[in-house]
N, C-alpha and C. Protein backbone atom coordinates (compact mmCIF):
# COMPACT_ATOMS: atom_id res chain seq x y z
N MET A 1 0.94 -1.27 -0.07
CA MET A 1 0.11 0.33 0.15
C MET A 1 1.07 1.38 0.02
N GLY A 2 0.04 2.39 -0.23
CA GLY A 2 1.04 3.68 -0.24
C GLY A 2 1.48 4.14 1.19
N TYR A 3 2.64 4.50 1.09
CA TYR A 3 2.88 5.38 2.37
C TYR A 3 3.79 6.56 1.96
N THR A 4 4.08 7.20 3.08
CA THR A 4 4.62 8.34 3.50
C THR A 4 5.91 7.99 4.32
N GLU A 5 7.34 8.49 3.61
CA GLU A 5 8.40 8.47 4.76
C GLU A 5 9.03 9.78 4.62
N SER A 6 9.22 10.25 5.70
CA SER A 6 9.94 11.56 6.32
C SER A 6 11.36 11.00 5.48
N VAL A 7 11.94 12.32 4.68
CA VAL A 7 13.41 12.44 4.47
C VAL A 7 13.83 14.15 4.50
N ALA A 8 15.05 14.11 5.49
CA ALA A 8 15.38 15.35 5.68
C ALA A 8 14.44 16.51 5.98
N GLY A 9 13.11 16.05 6.59
CA GLY A 9 12.11 16.90 6.87
C GLY A 9 11.16 17.28 5.77
N THR A 10 11.14 16.70 4.64
CA THR A 10 10.18 16.60 3.80
C THR A 10 9.57 15.43 3.77
N SER A 11 7.78 14.88 3.01
CA SER A 11 7.56 13.83 2.62
C SER A 11 7.87 12.84 0.95
N LYS A 12 7.94 12.15 1.10
CA LYS A 12 8.51 11.44 0.14
C LYS A 12 7.53 10.23 -0.17
N HIS A 13 6.66 10.53 -1.16
CA HIS A 13 5.00 9.74 -1.02
C HIS A 13 5.72 8.68 -2.28
N THR A 14 5.19 7.29 -2.10
CA THR A 14 5.61 6.31 -2.64
C THR A 14 4.26 5.69 -2.74
N PRO A 15 3.83 6.09 -4.37
CA PRO A 15 2.61 5.38 -4.33
C PRO A 15 1.98 4.16 -4.68
N ASP A 16 1.26 3.51 -4.20
CA ASP A 16 1.17 2.09 -4.78
C ASP A 16 0.40 1.80 -5.72
N PRO A 17 0.93 1.60 -6.72
CA PRO A 17 0.14 0.73 -8.00
C PRO A 17 -0.60 0.86 -8.39
N ALA A 18 -1.57 0.09 -7.76
CA ALA A 18 -3.03 -0.52 -7.82
C ALA A 18 -3.52 0.87 -7.52
N TRP A 19 -3.64 1.42 -6.34
CA TRP A 19 -4.05 2.83 -6.44
C TRP A 19 -3.71 3.68 -7.24
N GLU A 20 -2.78 3.74 -8.12
CA GLU A 20 -2.76 4.53 -9.16
C GLU A 20 -3.77 4.31 -10.53
N LYS A 21 -3.68 2.89 -10.29
CA LYS A 21 -4.78 2.89 -11.46
C LYS A 21 -6.03 2.93 -11.25
N PHE A 22 -6.65 2.60 -9.54
CA PHE A 22 -8.21 3.06 -9.59
C PHE A 22 -7.99 4.19 -9.54
N GLY A 23 -7.24 5.31 -9.28
CA GLY A 23 -7.20 6.87 -9.66
C GLY A 23 -7.26 7.07 -10.98
N ASN A 24 -6.66 6.67 -12.12
CA ASN A 24 -6.55 7.15 -13.13
C ASN A 24 -8.10 6.05 -13.92
N MET A 25 -8.52 5.14 -13.23
CA MET A 25 -9.93 4.63 -14.02
C MET A 25 -11.12 5.92 -13.16
N LEU A 26 -10.77 6.18 -12.05
CA LEU A 26 -11.94 7.16 -11.60
C LEU A 26 -11.64 8.61 -12.57
N LYS A 27 -10.24 9.03 -12.90
CA LYS A 27 -10.51 9.90 -13.31
C LYS A 27 -11.10 9.99 -14.62
N ASP A 28 -10.56 8.78 -15.28
CA ASP A 28 -11.30 8.42 -17.24
C ASP A 28 -12.93 8.52 -16.51
N PHE A 29 -13.19 7.85 -15.58
CA PHE A 29 -14.65 7.72 -15.17
C PHE A 29 -15.02 9.59 -15.39
N ARG A 30 -14.51 10.03 -14.79
CA ARG A 30 -14.78 11.66 -14.33
C ARG A 30 -14.87 12.14 -15.99
N GLU A 31 -13.83 11.97 -16.13
CA GLU A 31 -13.61 13.10 -17.69
C GLU A 31 -14.55 12.47 -18.88
N LYS A 32 -14.58 10.96 -19.32
CA LYS A 32 -15.12 10.67 -20.63
C LYS A 32 -16.63 10.54 -20.49
N ARG A 33 -17.38 9.92 -18.98
CA ARG A 33 -18.35 9.52 -19.08
C ARG A 33 -19.26 11.17 -18.48
N LEU A 34 -18.70 11.22 -17.02
CA LEU A 34 -19.50 12.33 -16.98
C LEU A 34 -18.99 14.08 -17.79
N ASP A 35 -17.98 13.72 -17.80
CA ASP A 35 -17.51 15.50 -18.62
C ASP A 35 -17.64 16.49 -17.92
N VAL A 36 -17.11 15.99 -16.80
CA VAL A 36 -16.99 17.36 -15.88
C VAL A 36 -15.44 17.69 -15.51
N SER A 37 -14.76 18.85 -14.79
CA SER A 37 -13.96 18.95 -14.27
C SER A 37 -13.76 18.52 -12.75
N LEU A 38 -12.70 18.90 -11.89
CA LEU A 38 -12.64 18.13 -10.51
C LEU A 38 -13.47 18.90 -9.67
N ARG A 39 -13.55 20.80 -10.07
CA ARG A 39 -14.05 21.90 -9.66
C ARG A 39 -16.03 21.56 -9.55
N GLU A 40 -16.25 21.41 -11.28
CA GLU A 40 -17.65 20.98 -10.90
C GLU A 40 -17.83 19.98 -10.81
N LEU A 41 -17.27 18.48 -10.45
CA LEU A 41 -17.76 17.81 -9.49
C LEU A 41 -17.87 17.74 -8.13
N GLU A 42 -17.23 19.00 -7.78
CA GLU A 42 -17.36 19.41 -5.84
C GLU A 42 -18.33 20.23 -5.73
N GLN A 43 -18.42 21.12 -7.13
CA GLN A 43 -19.72 21.79 -6.14
C GLN A 43 -21.58 21.21 -7.25
N CYS A 44 -20.92 20.14 -7.48
CA CYS A 44 -22.31 19.60 -8.49
C CYS A 44 -23.32 19.16 -7.14
N GLU A 45 -24.78 19.25 -7.14
CA GLU A 45 -25.66 18.91 -6.18
C GLU A 45 -25.35 17.62 -5.37
N ARG A 46 -24.97 16.83 -6.27
CA ARG A 46 -24.82 15.34 -5.30
C ARG A 46 -23.75 15.17 -4.12
N ASN A 47 -23.16 16.25 -4.60
CA ASN A 47 -21.61 16.39 -3.18
C ASN A 47 -22.15 17.48 -1.99
N GLN A 48 -23.12 18.10 -1.67
CA GLN A 48 -23.47 19.50 -1.03
C GLN A 48 -24.69 18.30 -0.05
N GLY A 49 -23.67 17.09 0.45
CA GLY A 49 -24.81 16.57 1.86
C GLY A 49 -24.03 16.73 3.20
N LYS A 50 -23.80 15.89 4.03
CA LYS A 50 -23.21 16.38 4.78
C LYS A 50 -21.77 15.85 5.34
N GLU A 51 -21.27 15.18 4.63
CA GLU A 51 -19.86 15.22 4.53
C GLU A 51 -19.26 15.27 3.24
N PRO A 52 -19.27 16.31 2.43
CA PRO A 52 -19.03 17.05 1.13
C PRO A 52 -17.35 16.61 0.95
N PHE A 53 -17.03 16.22 -0.55
CA PHE A 53 -15.94 16.04 -0.85
C PHE A 53 -15.36 17.33 -1.32
N THR A 54 -14.09 17.56 -1.12
CA THR A 54 -13.14 18.96 -1.57
C THR A 54 -12.55 18.41 -3.17
N LYS A 55 -12.19 19.51 -3.51
CA LYS A 55 -11.88 19.26 -5.46
C LYS A 55 -10.07 18.40 -4.56
N SER A 56 -9.78 18.94 -3.57
CA SER A 56 -8.38 18.49 -2.95
C SER A 56 -8.33 16.91 -3.12
N THR A 57 -9.22 16.50 -1.96
CA THR A 57 -9.65 14.96 -1.84
C THR A 57 -9.85 14.43 -2.92
N LEU A 58 -10.85 14.86 -3.74
CA LEU A 58 -11.05 14.23 -5.20
C LEU A 58 -9.74 13.95 -6.28
N HIS A 59 -9.34 15.34 -5.85
CA HIS A 59 -7.60 14.84 -6.89
C HIS A 59 -6.57 13.79 -6.21
N ARG A 60 -6.67 14.24 -4.93
CA ARG A 60 -5.47 12.67 -4.46
C ARG A 60 -6.22 11.34 -4.38
N TYR A 61 -7.60 11.19 -4.86
CA TYR A 61 -8.72 9.63 -5.21
C TYR A 61 -7.75 9.47 -6.63
N GLU A 62 -7.82 10.67 -7.39
CA GLU A 62 -7.87 10.61 -8.63
C GLU A 62 -6.32 10.39 -9.25
N THR A 63 -5.22 10.79 -8.47
CA THR A 63 -3.81 10.50 -8.85
C THR A 63 -3.37 9.29 -7.53
N GLY A 64 -4.34 8.50 -7.12
CA GLY A 64 -3.67 7.31 -6.73
C GLY A 64 -2.80 7.87 -4.96
N ARG A 65 -2.62 8.94 -4.95
CA ARG A 65 -2.28 9.45 -3.58
C ARG A 65 -2.92 9.11 -2.41
N LEU A 66 -4.38 8.87 -2.36
CA LEU A 66 -5.17 8.54 -1.26
C LEU A 66 -5.81 7.29 -1.93
N LEU A 67 -6.51 6.48 -0.71
CA LEU A 67 -7.19 5.60 -1.11
C LEU A 67 -8.70 5.97 -0.47
N PRO A 68 -9.89 6.05 -0.92
CA PRO A 68 -10.79 6.13 -0.04
C PRO A 68 -11.66 4.94 0.72
N ARG A 69 -11.88 5.66 2.04
CA ARG A 69 -12.25 4.52 3.25
C ARG A 69 -13.39 3.75 2.61
N LEU A 70 -13.64 2.52 3.08
CA LEU A 70 -15.16 1.99 2.59
C LEU A 70 -16.03 2.85 2.62
N ARG A 71 -16.09 3.50 3.99
CA ARG A 71 -17.58 4.09 4.46
C ARG A 71 -17.89 5.24 3.40
N TYR A 72 -17.02 5.70 2.51
CA TYR A 72 -16.74 7.18 1.98
C TYR A 72 -17.10 6.42 0.40
N ALA A 73 -17.35 5.21 0.21
CA ALA A 73 -17.10 4.46 -1.15
C ALA A 73 -18.64 4.90 -2.26
N ASP A 74 -19.56 4.22 -0.54
CA ASP A 74 -21.12 4.44 -1.93
C ASP A 74 -21.05 6.22 -1.52
N GLN A 75 -21.02 6.93 -0.97
CA GLN A 75 -20.98 8.10 -1.13
C GLN A 75 -20.46 8.87 -2.78
N LEU A 76 -18.93 8.46 -2.61
CA LEU A 76 -18.30 8.41 -3.99
C LEU A 76 -18.86 8.03 -4.95
N ASP A 77 -19.75 6.49 -5.08
CA ASP A 77 -20.05 5.82 -6.04
C ASP A 77 -21.63 7.06 -6.81
N GLU A 78 -22.14 7.56 -5.66
CA GLU A 78 -23.11 7.95 -6.12
C GLU A 78 -22.80 9.34 -6.95
N LEU A 79 -21.65 9.78 -6.45
CA LEU A 79 -21.15 11.56 -6.94
C LEU A 79 -20.67 10.99 -8.44
N TYR A 80 -19.81 10.06 -8.54
CA TYR A 80 -19.78 9.86 -9.96
C TYR A 80 -20.82 8.93 -10.77
N GLN A 81 -21.51 8.87 -9.87
CA GLN A 81 -22.66 7.97 -10.71
C GLN A 81 -22.26 6.58 -10.97
N ALA A 82 -21.28 6.18 -10.68
CA ALA A 82 -20.47 4.49 -11.20
C ALA A 82 -21.17 3.49 -11.12
N GLY A 83 -22.24 3.41 -10.24
CA GLY A 83 -23.28 1.81 -10.67
C GLY A 83 -22.89 0.69 -9.71
N GLY A 84 -21.93 1.47 -8.61
CA GLY A 84 -21.21 0.50 -7.67
C GLY A 84 -19.87 -0.27 -8.07
N TRP A 85 -19.37 0.55 -8.97
CA TRP A 85 -18.06 0.34 -9.41
C TRP A 85 -17.16 0.50 -8.17
N ILE A 86 -17.08 1.73 -7.99
CA ILE A 86 -16.41 2.41 -6.86
C ILE A 86 -16.25 1.50 -5.93
N ARG A 87 -17.14 1.69 -5.54
CA ARG A 87 -17.54 0.25 -3.97
C ARG A 87 -17.04 -0.71 -4.00
N THR A 88 -17.25 -1.56 -4.99
CA THR A 88 -16.22 -2.99 -5.61
C THR A 88 -14.84 -2.83 -5.28
N GLU A 89 -14.42 -1.90 -6.11
CA GLU A 89 -13.12 -1.27 -6.57
C GLU A 89 -12.49 -0.99 -5.29
N VAL A 90 -12.99 -0.37 -4.00
CA VAL A 90 -12.26 0.35 -3.03
C VAL A 90 -12.36 -0.97 -2.26
N ALA A 91 -13.27 -2.22 -1.84
CA ALA A 91 -13.25 -3.08 -1.03
C ALA A 91 -12.26 -4.08 -1.60
N ASN A 92 -11.97 -4.43 -3.04
CA ASN A 92 -10.94 -4.79 -3.45
C ASN A 92 -9.33 -4.85 -3.02
N LEU A 93 -9.40 -3.68 -3.14
CA LEU A 93 -8.27 -2.69 -3.00
C LEU A 93 -7.83 -2.72 -1.42
N ARG A 94 -9.12 -2.48 -0.46
CA ARG A 94 -8.71 -2.45 0.60
C ARG A 94 -8.55 -4.34 1.83
N ASP A 95 -9.07 -5.04 0.72
CA ASP A 95 -9.11 -6.53 1.25
C ASP A 95 -7.72 -7.15 1.88
N ALA A 96 -7.07 -6.50 0.72
CA ALA A 96 -5.47 -6.58 1.29
C ALA A 96 -5.13 -7.09 2.38
N GLY A 97 -5.44 -5.87 3.04
CA GLY A 97 -5.02 -5.01 4.38
C GLY A 97 -6.05 -5.50 5.72
N TRP A 98 -7.66 -6.19 5.04
CA TRP A 98 -8.05 -6.39 5.95
C TRP A 98 -7.82 -7.69 7.31
N ASP A 99 -8.49 -7.14 8.45
CA ASP A 99 -7.99 -7.88 9.49
C ASP A 99 -9.22 -7.79 10.33
N PRO A 100 -9.53 -9.19 10.92
CA PRO A 100 -11.05 -8.91 11.22
C PRO A 100 -11.49 -8.79 12.47
N ALA A 101 -10.34 -8.25 13.44
CA ALA A 101 -10.72 -7.27 14.46
C ALA A 101 -10.90 -5.98 14.35
N ARG A 102 -10.73 -5.49 13.23
CA ARG A 102 -10.81 -4.05 12.65
C ARG A 102 -11.80 -3.92 11.58
N ASP A 103 -12.83 -2.92 11.78
CA ASP A 103 -13.40 -2.73 10.71
C ASP A 103 -12.24 -1.93 9.78
N ASN A 104 -13.37 -1.73 8.56
CA ASN A 104 -12.47 -1.05 6.85
C ASN A 104 -12.22 -0.26 7.50
N ASP A 105 -11.99 0.68 8.42
CA ASP A 105 -11.47 2.30 8.81
C ASP A 105 -10.63 2.18 9.80
N GLY A 106 -10.03 0.96 10.20
CA GLY A 106 -8.79 0.83 11.12
C GLY A 106 -9.78 0.80 13.06
N VAL A 107 -10.90 0.97 13.47
CA VAL A 107 -11.01 1.34 14.59
C VAL A 107 -11.00 -0.23 14.89
N ASP A 108 -10.39 -0.60 15.92
CA ASP A 108 -10.60 -1.60 16.67
C ASP A 108 -11.85 -2.25 17.14
N ARG A 109 -12.36 -3.64 17.10
CA ARG A 109 -14.12 -3.91 17.04
C ARG A 109 -13.68 -4.47 18.89
N LYS A 110 -12.45 -4.99 18.79
CA LYS A 110 -12.43 -5.68 20.36
C LYS A 110 -12.67 -4.53 21.62
N SER A 111 -12.33 -3.18 21.20
CA SER A 111 -12.38 -2.29 22.31
C SER A 111 -14.03 -1.86 22.41
N THR A 112 -14.80 -2.41 21.70
CA THR A 112 -16.34 -1.46 21.72
C THR A 112 -17.32 -3.13 22.27
N ARG A 113 -16.70 -3.46 22.18
CA ARG A 113 -17.38 -4.86 22.63
C ARG A 113 -17.66 -5.35 23.80
N LEU A 114 -18.86 -5.59 24.56
CA LEU A 114 -18.75 -5.82 25.92
C LEU A 114 -18.01 -7.12 26.59
N ASN A 115 -17.92 -7.18 27.46
CA ASN A 115 -16.88 -8.30 28.13
C ASN A 115 -18.24 -9.32 28.35
N SER A 116 -17.93 -10.32 28.18
CA SER A 116 -19.24 -11.25 28.40
C SER A 116 -19.29 -11.50 30.19
N SER A 117 -18.19 -11.32 30.70
CA SER A 117 -18.17 -12.02 31.94
C SER A 117 -18.97 -10.45 33.00
N HIS A 118 -19.49 -9.52 32.37
CA HIS A 118 -20.28 -8.21 32.52
C HIS A 118 -21.61 -8.52 32.74
N LEU A 119 -22.01 -9.53 31.92
CA LEU A 119 -23.37 -10.18 31.56
C LEU A 119 -23.86 -10.89 32.27
N ALA A 120 -22.67 -12.08 32.79
CA ALA A 120 -22.89 -13.24 33.53
C ALA A 120 -23.75 -12.72 34.96
N GLU A 121 -24.81 -13.54 35.20
CA GLU A 121 -25.41 -12.96 36.82
C GLU A 121 -24.50 -14.25 37.86
N SER A 122 -24.49 -13.58 39.25
CA SER A 122 -23.74 -14.31 40.03
C SER A 122 -24.62 -15.28 40.79
């Protein structure tokens, strides 16, 4: 997966080829199917909900510098009018690093579970 390392006070990003491929497909989808700029996509009605995507974030997705979290995949799918394609791709890309003890956003599920010993009655 993509990572950032510090080199003499600067960040050097080593992109993941799979993320870049996803980003290129996302950009092609926007340019060829929707025929809109990033700014137009950012400002469109479909992106005016509770958590709208900024132009910068969309650009990071399209360049492969950032992979969307799975919880945002449906929202992106609606924004790009992709018919489920984005959700499927993000799920597949994130699947390689899936940890059953964590949800897809890295939140430890174990810490949110009740301890069964608290439920037992004496």
